């Protein structure tokens, strides 16, 4: 199994509406993906200064399932239209469980 973890930091100018729209759009992806076992989104609770703003954790059956998600047209569209315009930083890691 492959775990994909992403953390995103929003631009200071990003509005609450833009951030919520990005989350909502990401939430539409799970039913479209085969091989996706678990998909969790979470907004930082503000306990520690300097944290990222949003985390995504997704578990896939295998590398092929992860790559299908990464390259899926719906995912690519959501990233380009709703995340990239308001993100100052995006970091990710994939590892085997």
Protein backbone atom coordinates (compact mmCIF):
# COMPACT_ATOMS: atom_id res chain seq x y z
CA UNK A 1 0.00 0.00 0.00
CA UNK A 2 1.17 3.54 -0.80
CA UNK A 3 0.49 6.53 1.44
CA UNK A 4 0.46 9.96 -0.21
CA UNK A 5 0.78 12.93 2.15
CA UNK A 6 0.48 16.55 1.02
CA UNK A 7 0.68 19.74 3.04
CA UNK A 8 -0.27 23.09 1.56
CA UNK A 9 0.31 26.62 2.80
CA UNK A 10 -2.10 29.21 1.45
CA UNK A 11 -1.16 32.65 0.24
CA UNK A 12 -1.99 35.31 2.85
CA UNK A 13 -4.42 36.86 0.35
CA UNK A 14 -6.40 33.63 -0.09
CA UNK A 15 -9.97 34.09 1.09
CA UNK A 16 -11.90 31.75 3.32
CA UNK A 17 -14.22 31.06 0.40
CA UNK A 18 -11.30 30.07 -1.87
CA UNK A 19 -9.85 27.76 0.78
CA UNK A 20 -13.22 26.08 1.38
CA UNK A 21 -13.78 25.68 -2.37
CA UNK A 22 -10.38 23.97 -2.70
CA UNK A 23 -11.31 21.56 0.11
CA UNK A 24 -14.75 20.92 -1.34
CA UNK A 25 -13.33 20.21 -4.79
CA UNK A 26 -10.71 17.83 -3.39
CA UNK A 27 -13.49 16.03 -1.56
CA UNK A 28 -15.13 15.14 -4.87
CA UNK A 29 -12.17 12.97 -5.93
CA UNK A 30 -12.51 9.74 -3.91
CA UNK A 31 -15.49 8.27 -5.81
CA UNK A 32 -13.62 8.78 -9.08
CA UNK A 33 -10.51 6.85 -8.05
CA UNK A 34 -10.02 3.12 -8.18
CA UNK A 35 -7.48 1.69 -5.78
CA UNK A 36 -8.04 4.50 -3.27
CA UNK A 37 -8.54 3.00 0.20
CA UNK A 38 -8.68 6.10 2.39
CA UNK A 39 -8.75 9.86 1.75
CA UNK A 40 -8.58 12.41 4.55
CA UNK A 41 -8.45 16.22 4.41
CA UNK A 42 -7.75 18.39 7.39
CA UNK A 43 -7.25 22.07 8.15
CA UNK A 44 -4.52 22.95 10.65
CA UNK A 45 -5.96 23.69 14.08
CA UNK A 46 -3.46 26.47 14.78
CA UNK A 47 -1.69 24.96 17.78
CA UNK A 48 1.85 25.50 16.41
CA UNK A 49 3.14 28.54 14.55
CA UNK A 50 4.61 27.90 11.12
CA UNK A 51 2.50 24.86 10.25
CA UNK A 52 1.01 24.32 6.83
CA UNK A 53 -2.68 25.16 6.41
CA UNK A 54 -4.12 22.00 4.84
CA UNK A 55 -3.12 18.34 4.89
CA UNK A 56 -4.24 15.55 2.59
CA UNK A 57 -3.54 11.90 3.38
CA UNK A 58 -4.49 9.28 0.81
CA UNK A 59 -3.84 5.54 0.87
CA UNK A 60 -3.67 3.61 -2.40
CA UNK A 61 -3.52 -0.10 -3.18
CA UNK A 62 -0.28 0.32 -5.09
CA UNK A 63 1.92 2.73 -7.01
CA UNK A 64 -0.17 2.34 -10.16
CA UNK A 65 -3.30 3.46 -8.25
CA UNK A 66 -1.45 6.48 -6.88
CA UNK A 67 -0.16 7.43 -10.34
CA UNK A 68 -3.68 7.10 -11.77
CA UNK A 69 -4.90 9.53 -9.08
CA UNK A 70 -1.99 11.92 -9.67
CA UNK A 71 -2.65 12.04 -13.39
CA UNK A 72 -6.46 11.81 -13.33
CA UNK A 73 -7.97 14.72 -15.32
CA UNK A 74 -10.28 15.70 -12.45
CA UNK A 75 -7.37 15.87 -9.99
CA UNK A 76 -5.19 17.83 -12.41
CA UNK A 77 -8.06 20.27 -13.04
CA UNK A 78 -8.76 20.83 -9.33
CA UNK A 79 -5.09 21.46 -8.59
CA UNK A 80 -4.70 23.90 -11.47
CA UNK A 81 -7.96 25.82 -10.90
CA UNK A 82 -8.49 25.80 -7.15
CA UNK A 83 -5.20 25.03 -5.38
CA UNK A 84 -2.29 26.41 -7.39
CA UNK A 85 -3.72 29.95 -7.62
CA UNK A 86 -3.92 30.31 -3.82
CA UNK A 87 -1.02 28.14 -2.63
CA UNK A 88 2.30 29.62 -1.63
CA UNK A 89 3.80 26.18 -0.96
CA UNK A 90 2.94 22.54 -1.54
CA UNK A 91 5.02 19.66 -0.21
CA UNK A 92 4.36 15.97 -0.66
CA UNK A 93 5.74 12.54 0.10
CA UNK A 94 4.73 9.05 -0.92
CA UNK A 95 5.83 5.99 1.05
CA UNK A 96 5.02 2.32 1.40
CA UNK A 97 3.01 1.06 4.35
